[in-house]
Amino acid sequence: MKDNFEMSMIREMKFFLGLQVHQFPQGIFISQSQYTLDILKKHGMEKYDTVSTPMATTKLDADLQGTPIDQTKYRSIIRGLMYLTASRLDIAFATFVCARYQARPTEKYLKEVKRIFRYLRQSINMGLLYSKDSGFELIAYADVDHAGCNDDCKSTSGGIQFLRDKLVSWSSKKQDCTSISSAKAEYVSLSACCAQVIWMRTQLLDYGFHYHKIPIYFDSKSVIAISCNPVQHSRTKHINIRYHFFKEHVEKGIIELYVVGTEYQLADLFIKALPKERFEFLVHKISMRCMTPTQLERLAKLSS
């Protein structure tokens, strides 16, 4: 980076805008444990019982008859949780779903938000671990929950990008359009993930990295077959043309699509609420770890 940008080294970074950065010989650990404690105390949740997942597997929907609550307070809570997702990907989907109901929050939604806090109580020291010398290959996963929103039947797209096993980008977003088929929803999700990968590929050129045949893992054989077919398919004739751009990158060999088993689809974490075992498996696979201050201090001593 010093060869390409004007930089100066003041001292080792340990704290930046709420992010705690711990550096040791094996890698870097980024967390927001102090920020987590602060928002728990701010909203009076530091003594509540804990839960093992941030969201129940039942889908959240509109509560038109529910008791309204203070809109300003609810938005303040959501704002705090949204900032926490900078390092806490495990609460990203739950937070984004609760954020959809800021226009008319009710006690039902406040209960769901409190569940996120209860989960945070038992995982305060969770963060992202970036291991040293593990390669720098660009890899992506994409997935979709077709018609997952009970209110408008829109699908939720999820995407996650790694540099080998180092998580660098992720997304959980309700699609703008209503998909008339699962194939269309999957196609739109794959297109969004591809756009992010192409952008990352362009940015990494500044650091001297040139990527070709970037693998994107998806769990739908039919959509991959459609994406690799240069002929317009009848199943995609209703898809907006702006979503077809990534077929060009597949044809050029910049992107390669691979089928991944549903059980190893890491983007699953960003499209729906999951049961405990599945949730914990995916959290571990994306290199999130729970590391106490004592453990971090011990690791730091290894470098002295």
C-alpha atoms as a PDB file:
ATOM      1  CA  MET A   1       0.000   0.000   0.000  1.00  0.00           C
ATOM      2  CA  LYS A   2       2.910   2.353   0.716  1.00  0.00           C
ATOM      3  CA  ASP A   3       4.053   1.999  -2.915  1.00  0.00           C
ATOM      4  CA  ASN A   4       0.726   3.250  -4.240  1.00  0.00           C
ATOM      5  CA  PHE A   5      -0.580   5.655  -1.585  1.00  0.00           C
ATOM      6  CA  GLU A   6       0.872   8.427   0.549  1.00  0.00           C
ATOM      7  CA  MET A   7       0.798   7.016   4.074  1.00  0.00           C
ATOM      8  CA  SER A   8       2.354   7.620   7.447  1.00  0.00           C
ATOM      9  CA  MET A   9       2.637   5.290  10.435  1.00  0.00           C
ATOM     10  CA  ILE A  10       1.850   6.888  13.795  1.00  0.00           C
ATOM     11  CA  ARG A  11       1.566   3.763  15.916  1.00  0.00           C
ATOM     12  CA  GLU A  12      -0.207   0.418  15.904  1.00  0.00           C
ATOM     13  CA  MET A  13      -3.955   0.853  15.545  1.00  0.00           C
ATOM     14  CA  LYS A  14      -5.929  -0.556  18.465  1.00  0.00           C
ATOM     15  CA  PHE A  15      -9.174   1.401  18.367  1.00  0.00           C
ATOM     16  CA  PHE A  16     -10.968   3.089  15.485  1.00  0.00           C
ATOM     17  CA  LEU A  17     -14.558   4.435  15.456  1.00  0.00           C
ATOM     18  CA  GLY A  18     -15.820   1.793  17.862  1.00  0.00           C
ATOM     19  CA  LEU A  19     -13.815  -1.040  16.294  1.00  0.00           C
ATOM     20  CA  GLN A  20     -11.276  -2.739  18.547  1.00  0.00           C
ATOM     21  CA  VAL A  21      -8.291  -4.095  16.628  1.00  0.00           C
ATOM     22  CA  HIS A  22      -6.040  -6.720  18.205  1.00  0.00           C
ATOM     23  CA  GLN A  23      -2.884  -7.686  16.293  1.00  0.00           C
ATOM     24  CA  PHE A  24      -0.769 -10.728  17.083  1.00  0.00           C
ATOM     25  CA  PRO A  25       1.606 -13.036  15.147  1.00  0.00           C
ATOM     26  CA  GLN A  26      -1.166 -15.353  13.964  1.00  0.00           C
ATOM     27  CA  GLY A  27      -3.351 -12.579  12.553  1.00  0.00           C
ATOM     28  CA  ILE A  28      -5.796  -9.802  13.446  1.00  0.00           C
ATOM     29  CA  PHE A  29      -8.972  -9.898  15.524  1.00  0.00           C
ATOM     30  CA  ILE A  30     -11.601  -7.179  15.050  1.00  0.00           C
ATOM     31  CA  SER A  31     -14.466  -6.778  17.488  1.00  0.00           C
ATOM     32  CA  GLN A  32     -16.846  -4.236  19.026  1.00  0.00           C
ATOM     33  CA  SER A  33     -17.111  -5.679  22.524  1.00  0.00           C
ATOM     34  CA  GLN A  34     -16.929  -2.306  24.302  1.00  0.00           C
ATOM     35  CA  TYR A  35     -19.530  -0.828  21.961  1.00  0.00           C
ATOM     36  CA  THR A  36     -21.728  -3.878  22.586  1.00  0.00           C
ATOM     37  CA  LEU A  37     -21.503  -3.345  26.347  1.00  0.00           C
ATOM     38  CA  ASP A  38     -22.321   0.338  25.904  1.00  0.00           C
ATOM     39  CA  ILE A  39     -25.521  -0.216  23.919  1.00  0.00           C
ATOM     40  CA  LEU A  40     -26.634  -2.997  26.276  1.00  0.00           C
ATOM     41  CA  LYS A  41     -26.324  -0.589  29.208  1.00  0.00           C
ATOM     42  CA  LYS A  42     -27.869   2.285  27.260  1.00  0.00           C
ATOM     43  CA  HIS A  43     -31.044   0.294  26.598  1.00  0.00           C
ATOM     44  CA  GLY A  44     -31.140  -1.473  29.968  1.00  0.00           C
ATOM     45  CA  MET A  45     -30.463  -4.959  28.599  1.00  0.00           C
ATOM     46  CA  GLU A  46     -27.265  -5.863  30.463  1.00  0.00           C
ATOM     47  CA  LYS A  47     -29.051  -8.176  32.941  1.00  0.00           C
ATOM     48  CA  TYR A  48     -31.564  -9.964  30.723  1.00  0.00           C
ATOM     49  CA  ASP A  49     -31.498 -13.727  30.143  1.00  0.00           C
ATOM     50  CA  THR A  50     -29.470 -14.858  27.150  1.00  0.00           C
ATOM     51  CA  VAL A  51     -30.469 -16.778  24.002  1.00  0.00           C
ATOM     52  CA  SER A  52     -28.363 -18.768  21.538  1.00  0.00           C
ATOM     53  CA  THR A  53     -29.601 -17.154  18.277  1.00  0.00           C
ATOM     54  CA  PRO A  54     -30.502 -13.537  17.449  1.00  0.00           C
ATOM     55  CA  MET A  55     -33.834 -14.392  15.818  1.00  0.00           C
ATOM     56  CA  ALA A  56     -36.532 -17.045  16.067  1.00  0.00           C
ATOM     57  CA  THR A  57     -37.081 -19.200  12.983  1.00  0.00           C
ATOM     58  CA  THR A  58     -40.673 -17.951  12.601  1.00  0.00           C
ATOM     59  CA  LYS A  59     -40.872 -15.169  10.002  1.00  0.00           C
ATOM     60  CA  LEU A  60     -41.600 -11.608  11.120  1.00  0.00           C
ATOM     61  CA  ASP A  61     -44.490  -9.850   9.379  1.00  0.00           C
ATOM     62  CA  ALA A  62     -46.656  -6.726   9.576  1.00  0.00           C
ATOM     63  CA  ASP A  63     -48.362  -6.041  12.915  1.00  0.00           C
ATOM     64  CA  LEU A  64     -51.212  -3.694  11.985  1.00  0.00           C
ATOM     65  CA  GLN A  65     -53.192  -4.232  15.199  1.00  0.00           C
ATOM     66  CA  GLY A  66     -50.256  -4.168  17.589  1.00  0.00           C
ATOM     67  CA  THR A  67     -49.626  -1.576  20.299  1.00  0.00           C
ATOM     68  CA  PRO A  68     -47.432   1.237  18.885  1.00  0.00           C
ATOM     69  CA  ILE A  69     -44.253   2.220  20.716  1.00  0.00           C
ATOM     70  CA  ASP A  70     -42.019   5.289  20.682  1.00  0.00           C
ATOM     71  CA  GLN A  71     -40.759   5.570  17.100  1.00  0.00           C
ATOM     72  CA  THR A  72     -37.720   7.671  18.040  1.00  0.00           C
ATOM     73  CA  LYS A  73     -36.565   5.122  20.624  1.00  0.00           C
ATOM     74  CA  TYR A  74     -37.016   2.209  18.225  1.00  0.00           C
ATOM     75  CA  ARG A  75     -35.055   3.947  15.475  1.00  0.00           C
ATOM     76  CA  SER A  76     -32.283   4.760  17.939  1.00  0.00           C
ATOM     77  CA  ILE A  77     -31.996   1.072  18.860  1.00  0.00           C
ATOM     78  CA  ILE A  78     -31.931  -0.001  15.206  1.00  0.00           C
ATOM     79  CA  ARG A  79     -29.303   2.630  14.423  1.00  0.00           C
ATOM     80  CA  GLY A  80     -27.074   1.281  17.180  1.00  0.00           C
ATOM     81  CA  LEU A  81     -27.473  -2.308  15.994  1.00  0.00           C
ATOM     82  CA  MET A  82     -26.818  -1.353  12.382  1.00  0.00           C
ATOM     83  CA  TYR A  83     -23.462   0.142  13.371  1.00  0.00           C
ATOM     84  CA  LEU A  84     -22.647  -3.017  15.298  1.00  0.00           C
ATOM     85  CA  THR A  85     -23.007  -5.098  12.107  1.00  0.00           C
ATOM     86  CA  ALA A  86     -19.649  -3.662  10.992  1.00  0.00           C
ATOM     87  CA  SER A  87     -18.091  -6.659  12.738  1.00  0.00           C
ATOM     88  CA  ARG A  88     -21.073  -8.640  14.019  1.00  0.00           C
ATOM     89  CA  LEU A  89     -22.324 -10.384  10.876  1.00  0.00           C
ATOM     90  CA  ASP A  90     -24.174 -12.870  13.039  1.00  0.00           C
ATOM     91  CA  ILE A  91     -26.839 -10.251  13.832  1.00  0.00           C
ATOM     92  CA  ALA A  92     -26.971  -8.706  10.363  1.00  0.00           C
ATOM     93  CA  PHE A  93     -30.072 -10.467   9.038  1.00  0.00           C
ATOM     94  CA  ALA A  94     -32.059 -10.098  12.268  1.00  0.00           C
ATOM     95  CA  THR A  95     -31.200  -6.394  12.455  1.00  0.00           C
ATOM     96  CA  PHE A  96     -32.102  -5.703   8.820  1.00  0.00           C
ATOM     97  CA  VAL A  97     -35.477  -7.448   9.196  1.00  0.00           C
ATOM     98  CA  CYS A  98     -36.329  -5.426  12.311  1.00  0.00           C
ATOM     99  CA  ALA A  99     -35.241  -2.262  10.486  1.00  0.00           C
ATOM    100  CA  ARG A 100     -38.022  -2.771   7.913  1.00  0.00           C
ATOM    101  CA  TYR A 101     -40.650  -1.831  10.502  1.00  0.00           C
ATOM    102  CA  GLN A 102     -39.338   1.557  11.660  1.00  0.00           C
ATOM    103  CA  ALA A 103     -42.286   3.458  10.152  1.00  0.00           C
ATOM    104  CA  ARG A 104     -44.752   1.973  12.670  1.00  0.00           C
ATOM    105  CA  PRO A 105     -42.920   0.007  15.365  1.00  0.00           C
ATOM    106  CA  THR A 106     -44.996  -1.991  17.828  1.00  0.00           C
ATOM    107  CA  GLU A 107     -44.337  -4.049  20.939  1.00  0.00           C
ATOM    108  CA  LYS A 108     -44.020  -7.131  18.724  1.00  0.00           C
ATOM    109  CA  TYR A 109     -40.994  -5.689  16.941  1.00  0.00           C
ATOM    110  CA  LEU A 110     -39.487  -4.361  20.159  1.00  0.00           C
ATOM    111  CA  LYS A 111     -39.611  -7.901  21.531  1.00  0.00           C
ATOM    112  CA  GLU A 112     -37.661  -9.132  18.490  1.00  0.00           C
ATOM    113  CA  VAL A 113     -35.073  -6.384  18.940  1.00  0.00           C
ATOM    114  CA  LYS A 114     -34.694  -7.311  22.602  1.00  0.00           C
ATOM    115  CA  ARG A 115     -33.979 -10.881  21.511  1.00  0.00           C
ATOM    116  CA  ILE A 116     -31.001  -9.559  19.503  1.00  0.00           C
ATOM    117  CA  PHE A 117     -29.748  -7.835  22.662  1.00  0.00           C
ATOM    118  CA  ARG A 118     -30.208 -11.039  24.662  1.00  0.00           C
ATOM    119  CA  TYR A 119     -28.103 -12.868  22.072  1.00  0.00           C
ATOM    120  CA  LEU A 120     -25.438 -10.157  22.260  1.00  0.00           C
ATOM    121  CA  ARG A 121     -25.264 -10.594  26.038  1.00  0.00           C
ATOM    122  CA  GLN A 122     -23.978 -14.143  25.664  1.00  0.00           C
ATOM    123  CA  SER A 123     -21.617 -13.297  22.778  1.00  0.00           C
ATOM    124  CA  ILE A 124     -20.138  -9.929  23.770  1.00  0.00           C
ATOM    125  CA  ASN A 125     -16.589 -10.942  22.799  1.00  0.00           C
ATOM    126  CA  MET A 126     -17.486 -12.262  19.359  1.00  0.00           C
ATOM    127  CA  GLY A 127     -15.538 -10.808  16.446  1.00  0.00           C
ATOM    128  CA  LEU A 128     -13.871 -11.448  13.108  1.00  0.00           C
ATOM    129  CA  LEU A 129     -10.576 -13.326  12.974  1.00  0.00           C
ATOM    130  CA  TYR A 130      -8.256 -12.665  10.031  1.00  0.00           C
ATOM    131  CA  SER A 131      -5.565 -15.307  10.031  1.00  0.00           C
ATOM    132  CA  LYS A 132      -2.103 -14.624   8.643  1.00  0.00           C
ATOM    133  CA  ASP A 133      -0.662 -16.312   5.533  1.00  0.00           C
ATOM    134  CA  SER A 134      -3.839 -18.066   4.437  1.00  0.00           C
ATOM    135  CA  GLY A 135      -3.833 -17.021   0.780  1.00  0.00           C
ATOM    136  CA  PHE A 136      -5.531 -14.196  -1.094  1.00  0.00           C
ATOM    137  CA  GLU A 137      -7.901 -15.846  -3.578  1.00  0.00           C
ATOM    138  CA  LEU A 138     -11.170 -14.008  -4.212  1.00  0.00           C
ATOM    139  CA  ILE A 139     -14.139 -16.306  -3.502  1.00  0.00           C
ATOM    140  CA  ALA A 140     -17.872 -15.570  -3.234  1.00  0.00           C
ATOM    141  CA  TYR A 141     -21.130 -17.223  -2.186  1.00  0.00           C
ATOM    142  CA  ALA A 142     -24.655 -16.161  -3.150  1.00  0.00           C
ATOM    143  CA  ASP A 143     -28.068 -17.351  -2.019  1.00  0.00           C
ATOM    144  CA  VAL A 144     -31.715 -16.247  -1.957  1.00  0.00           C
ATOM    145  CA  ASP A 145     -34.862 -16.816   0.078  1.00  0.00           C
ATOM    146  CA  HIS A 146     -37.605 -16.778  -2.566  1.00  0.00           C
ATOM    147  CA  ALA A 147     -40.688 -14.767  -1.512  1.00  0.00           C
ATOM    148  CA  GLY A 148     -39.301 -14.753   2.010  1.00  0.00           C
ATOM    149  CA  CYS A 149     -41.090 -11.573   3.097  1.00  0.00           C
ATOM    150  CA  ASN A 150     -44.639 -12.358   4.239  1.00  0.00           C
ATOM    151  CA  ASP A 151     -45.760  -8.755   3.684  1.00  0.00           C
ATOM    152  CA  ASP A 152     -45.025  -8.271  -0.033  1.00  0.00           C
ATOM    153  CA  CYS A 153     -43.684 -11.693  -1.122  1.00  0.00           C
ATOM    154  CA  LYS A 154     -40.356 -10.187  -2.164  1.00  0.00           C
ATOM    155  CA  SER A 155     -37.237 -12.309  -1.967  1.00  0.00           C
ATOM    156  CA  THR A 156     -34.141 -11.694   0.142  1.00  0.00           C
ATOM    157  CA  SER A 157     -30.711 -11.831  -1.504  1.00  0.00           C
ATOM    158  CA  GLY A 158     -27.586 -12.743   0.419  1.00  0.00           C
ATOM    159  CA  GLY A 159     -23.984 -12.482  -0.700  1.00  0.00           C
ATOM    160  CA  ILE A 160     -20.623 -12.969   0.983  1.00  0.00           C
ATOM    161  CA  GLN A 161     -17.094 -12.475  -0.361  1.00  0.00           C
ATOM    162  CA  PHE A 162     -13.769 -13.775   0.958  1.00  0.00           C
ATOM    163  CA  LEU A 163     -10.094 -13.364   0.270  1.00  0.00           C
ATOM    164  CA  ARG A 164      -9.402 -17.067   0.834  1.00  0.00           C
ATOM    165  CA  ASP A 165     -10.789 -17.442   4.392  1.00  0.00           C
ATOM    166  CA  LYS A 166     -10.730 -13.724   5.234  1.00  0.00           C
ATOM    167  CA  LEU A 167     -14.217 -12.235   5.146  1.00  0.00           C
ATOM    168  CA  VAL A 168     -14.182  -8.817   3.480  1.00  0.00           C
ATOM    169  CA  SER A 169     -17.700  -8.102   2.195  1.00  0.00           C
ATOM    170  CA  TRP A 170     -21.274  -9.234   2.798  1.00  0.00           C
ATOM    171  CA  SER A 171     -24.829  -8.261   1.943  1.00  0.00           C
ATOM    172  CA  SER A 172     -28.386  -9.023   3.085  1.00  0.00           C
ATOM    173  CA  LYS A 173     -31.016  -7.158   1.080  1.00  0.00           C
ATOM    174  CA  LYS A 174     -34.638  -7.519   0.132  1.00  0.00           C
ATOM    175  CA  GLN A 175     -34.954  -7.465  -3.644  1.00  0.00           C
ATOM    176  CA  ASP A 176     -36.551  -4.426  -5.294  1.00  0.00           C
ATOM    177  CA  CYS A 177     -38.723  -6.537  -7.591  1.00  0.00           C
ATOM    178  CA  THR A 178     -41.226  -9.297  -6.876  1.00  0.00           C
ATOM    179  CA  SER A 179     -40.037 -12.508  -8.506  1.00  0.00           C
ATOM    180  CA  ILE A 180     -42.667 -14.651 -10.233  1.00  0.00           C
ATOM    181  CA  SER A 181     -40.438 -17.731  -9.919  1.00  0.00           C
ATOM    182  CA  SER A 182     -37.613 -19.005  -7.754  1.00  0.00           C
ATOM    183  CA  ALA A 183     -35.372 -19.028 -10.854  1.00  0.00           C
ATOM    184  CA  LYS A 184     -35.801 -15.283 -11.285  1.00  0.00           C
ATOM    185  CA  ALA A 185     -35.123 -14.576  -7.600  1.00  0.00           C
ATOM    186  CA  GLU A 186     -31.976 -16.731  -7.736  1.00  0.00           C
ATOM    187  CA  TYR A 187     -30.837 -15.060 -10.943  1.00  0.00           C
ATOM    188  CA  VAL A 188     -31.214 -11.567  -9.439  1.00  0.00           C
ATOM    189  CA  SER A 189     -29.303 -12.610  -6.312  1.00  0.00           C
ATOM    190  CA  LEU A 190     -26.480 -14.095  -8.368  1.00  0.00           C
ATOM    191  CA  SER A 191     -26.297 -10.909 -10.427  1.00  0.00           C
ATOM    192  CA  ALA A 192     -25.978  -8.740  -7.303  1.00  0.00           C
ATOM    193  CA  CYS A 193     -23.175 -10.917  -5.937  1.00  0.00           C
ATOM    194  CA  CYS A 194     -21.373 -10.812  -9.275  1.00  0.00           C
ATOM    195  CA  ALA A 195     -21.563  -7.002  -9.352  1.00  0.00           C
ATOM    196  CA  GLN A 196     -19.882  -6.843  -5.939  1.00  0.00           C
ATOM    197  CA  VAL A 197     -17.173  -9.300  -7.025  1.00  0.00           C
ATOM    198  CA  ILE A 198     -16.413  -7.290 -10.172  1.00  0.00           C
ATOM    199  CA  TRP A 199     -16.161  -4.103  -8.113  1.00  0.00           C
ATOM    200  CA  MET A 200     -13.779  -5.786  -5.660  1.00  0.00           C
ATOM    201  CA  ARG A 201     -11.715  -7.138  -8.551  1.00  0.00           C
ATOM    202  CA  THR A 202     -11.343  -3.606  -9.909  1.00  0.00           C
ATOM    203  CA  GLN A 203     -10.345  -2.175  -6.519  1.00  0.00           C
ATOM    204  CA  LEU A 204      -7.751  -4.895  -5.914  1.00  0.00           C
ATOM    205  CA  LEU A 205      -6.000  -4.010  -9.165  1.00  0.00           C
ATOM    206  CA  ASP A 206      -4.607  -0.973  -7.297  1.00  0.00           C
ATOM    207  CA  TYR A 207      -2.740  -3.395  -5.027  1.00  0.00           C
ATOM    208  CA  GLY A 208      -1.338  -5.461  -7.862  1.00  0.00           C
ATOM    209  CA  PHE A 209      -3.795  -8.366  -7.687  1.00  0.00           C
ATOM    210  CA  HIS A 210      -5.188  -9.649 -10.986  1.00  0.00           C
ATOM    211  CA  TYR A 211      -8.071 -12.076 -10.697  1.00  0.00           C
ATOM    212  CA  HIS A 212      -9.551 -14.360 -13.356  1.00  0.00           C
ATOM    213  CA  LYS A 213     -11.879 -17.347 -13.025  1.00  0.00           C
ATOM    214  CA  ILE A 214     -13.265 -16.011  -9.744  1.00  0.00           C
ATOM    215  CA  PRO A 215     -15.453 -18.745  -8.222  1.00  0.00           C
ATOM    216  CA  ILE A 216     -18.988 -17.915  -7.079  1.00  0.00           C
ATOM    217  CA  TYR A 217     -20.736 -20.732  -5.249  1.00  0.00           C
ATOM    218  CA  PHE A 218     -24.483 -21.138  -5.621  1.00  0.00           C
ATOM    219  CA  ASP A 219     -26.812 -23.981  -4.690  1.00  0.00           C
ATOM    220  CA  SER A 220     -29.062 -23.985  -7.777  1.00  0.00           C
ATOM    221  CA  LYS A 221     -27.918 -26.114 -10.726  1.00  0.00           C
ATOM    222  CA  SER A 222     -30.685 -24.796 -12.978  1.00  0.00           C
ATOM    223  CA  VAL A 223     -29.757 -21.116 -12.549  1.00  0.00           C
ATOM    224  CA  ILE A 224     -26.074 -21.875 -13.111  1.00  0.00           C
ATOM    225  CA  ALA A 225     -27.026 -23.722 -16.314  1.00  0.00           C
ATOM    226  CA  ILE A 226     -29.069 -20.712 -17.452  1.00  0.00           C
ATOM    227  CA  SER A 227     -26.215 -18.327 -16.614  1.00  0.00           C
ATOM    228  CA  CYS A 228     -23.700 -20.348 -18.644  1.00  0.00           C
ATOM    229  CA  ASN A 229     -26.050 -20.700 -21.649  1.00  0.00           C
ATOM    230  CA  PRO A 230     -25.464 -17.946 -24.241  1.00  0.00           C
ATOM    231  CA  VAL A 231     -28.974 -18.447 -25.633  1.00  0.00           C
ATOM    232  CA  GLN A 232     -31.783 -16.469 -23.989  1.00  0.00           C
ATOM    233  CA  HIS A 233     -33.846 -18.932 -21.996  1.00  0.00           C
ATOM    234  CA  SER A 234     -37.641 -18.887 -21.773  1.00  0.00           C
ATOM    235  CA  ARG A 235     -37.392 -18.961 -17.985  1.00  0.00           C
ATOM    236  CA  THR A 236     -35.493 -15.645 -18.001  1.00  0.00           C
ATOM    237  CA  LYS A 237     -37.503 -13.683 -20.568  1.00  0.00           C
ATOM    238  CA  HIS A 238     -39.311 -11.746 -17.800  1.00  0.00           C
ATOM    239  CA  ILE A 239     -36.070 -10.715 -16.060  1.00  0.00           C
ATOM    240  CA  ASN A 240     -34.973  -7.111 -16.462  1.00  0.00           C
ATOM    241  CA  ILE A 241     -32.035  -6.886 -18.869  1.00  0.00           C
ATOM    242  CA  ARG A 242     -29.847  -5.147 -16.275  1.00  0.00           C
ATOM    243  CA  TYR A 243     -29.536  -8.466 -14.438  1.00  0.00           C
ATOM    244  CA  HIS A 244     -28.065 -10.236 -17.485  1.00  0.00           C
ATOM    245  CA  PHE A 245     -24.743  -8.361 -17.455  1.00  0.00           C
ATOM    246  CA  PHE A 246     -22.887 -11.038 -15.504  1.00  0.00           C
ATOM    247  CA  LYS A 247     -23.415 -13.613 -18.279  1.00  0.00           C
ATOM    248  CA  GLU A 248     -20.813 -11.629 -20.220  1.00  0.00           C
ATOM    249  CA  HIS A 249     -18.306 -12.044 -17.386  1.00  0.00           C
ATOM    250  CA  VAL A 250     -19.016 -15.780 -17.281  1.00  0.00           C
ATOM    251  CA  GLU A 251     -18.428 -16.047 -21.034  1.00  0.00           C
ATOM    252  CA  LYS A 252     -15.137 -14.139 -20.732  1.00  0.00           C
ATOM    253  CA  GLY A 253     -13.945 -16.463 -17.975  1.00  0.00           C
ATOM    254  CA  ILE A 254     -13.708 -13.727 -15.334  1.00  0.00           C
ATOM    255  CA  ILE A 255     -16.403 -15.433 -13.269  1.00  0.00           C
ATOM    256  CA  GLU A 256     -16.885 -19.169 -12.804  1.00  0.00           C
ATOM    257  CA  LEU A 257     -20.049 -20.584 -11.246  1.00  0.00           C
ATOM    258  CA  TYR A 258     -19.994 -23.680  -9.057  1.00  0.00           C
ATOM    259  CA  VAL A 259     -22.710 -25.665  -7.343  1.00  0.00           C
ATOM    260  CA  VAL A 260     -22.332 -25.942  -3.580  1.00  0.00           C
ATOM    261  CA  GLY A 261     -24.345 -28.190  -1.289  1.00  0.00           C
ATOM    262  CA  THR A 262     -27.005 -26.351   0.692  1.00  0.00           C
ATOM    263  CA  GLU A 263     -25.352 -27.392   3.959  1.00  0.00           C
ATOM    264  CA  TYR A 264     -22.160 -25.532   2.930  1.00  0.00           C
ATOM    265  CA  GLN A 265     -23.891 -22.462   1.504  1.00  0.00           C
ATOM    266  CA  LEU A 266     -22.350 -19.759   3.718  1.00  0.00           C
ATOM    267  CA  ALA A 267     -24.624 -17.005   2.387  1.00  0.00           C
ATOM    268  CA  ASP A 268     -27.522 -18.827   4.065  1.00  0.00           C
ATOM    269  CA  LEU A 269     -26.684 -16.818   7.191  1.00  0.00           C
ATOM    270  CA  PHE A 270     -27.845 -13.597   5.496  1.00  0.00           C
ATOM    271  CA  ILE A 271     -31.222 -14.581   4.046  1.00  0.00           C
ATOM    272  CA  LYS A 272     -33.216 -16.206   6.857  1.00  0.00           C
ATOM    273  CA  ALA A 273     -33.343 -17.043  10.548  1.00  0.00           C
ATOM    274  CA  LEU A 274     -31.704 -20.382  11.319  1.00  0.00           C
ATOM    275  CA  PRO A 275     -31.908 -22.996  14.075  1.00  0.00           C
ATOM    276  CA  LYS A 276     -29.125 -23.039  16.662  1.00  0.00           C
ATOM    277  CA  GLU A 277     -26.958 -25.830  15.209  1.00  0.00           C
ATOM    278  CA  ARG A 278     -27.035 -24.469  11.659  1.00  0.00           C
ATOM    279  CA  PHE A 279     -26.491 -20.907  12.861  1.00  0.00           C
ATOM    280  CA  GLU A 280     -23.447 -21.785  14.968  1.00  0.00           C
ATOM    281  CA  PHE A 281     -21.947 -23.865  12.147  1.00  0.00           C
ATOM    282  CA  LEU A 282     -22.122 -20.975   9.655  1.00  0.00           C
ATOM    283  CA  VAL A 283     -20.880 -18.389  12.155  1.00  0.00           C
ATOM    284  CA  HIS A 284     -17.788 -20.518  12.718  1.00  0.00           C
ATOM    285  CA  LYS A 285     -17.281 -21.091   8.970  1.00  0.00           C
ATOM    286  CA  ILE A 286     -17.114 -17.352   8.236  1.00  0.00           C
ATOM    287  CA  SER A 287     -14.247 -17.042  10.774  1.00  0.00           C
ATOM    288  CA  MET A 288     -16.168 -15.432  13.616  1.00  0.00           C
ATOM    289  CA  ARG A 289     -14.715 -16.305  17.003  1.00  0.00           C
ATOM    290  CA  CYS A 290     -15.405 -15.479  20.634  1.00  0.00           C
ATOM    291  CA  MET A 291     -12.145 -14.284  22.190  1.00  0.00           C
ATOM    292  CA  THR A 292     -12.019 -12.923  25.733  1.00  0.00           C
ATOM    293  CA  PRO A 293      -9.660 -10.090  26.787  1.00  0.00           C
ATOM    294  CA  THR A 294      -7.554 -12.692  28.643  1.00  0.00           C
ATOM    295  CA  GLN A 295      -7.140 -14.784  25.488  1.00  0.00           C
ATOM    296  CA  LEU A 296      -6.244 -11.717  23.436  1.00  0.00           C
ATOM    297  CA  GLU A 297      -3.706 -10.572  26.014  1.00  0.00           C
ATOM    298  CA  ARG A 298      -2.094 -13.992  25.943  1.00  0.00           C
ATOM    299  CA  LEU A 299      -1.845 -13.898  22.134  1.00  0.00           C
ATOM    300  CA  ALA A 300      -0.388 -10.386  22.208  1.00  0.00           C
ATOM    301  CA  LYS A 301       2.384 -11.528  24.566  1.00  0.00           C
ATOM    302  CA  LEU A 302       3.525 -14.063  22.003  1.00  0.00           C
ATOM    303  CA  SER A 303       4.696 -11.190  19.771  1.00  0.00           C
ATOM    304  CA  SER A 304       6.721  -9.465  22.499  1.00  0.00           C
END
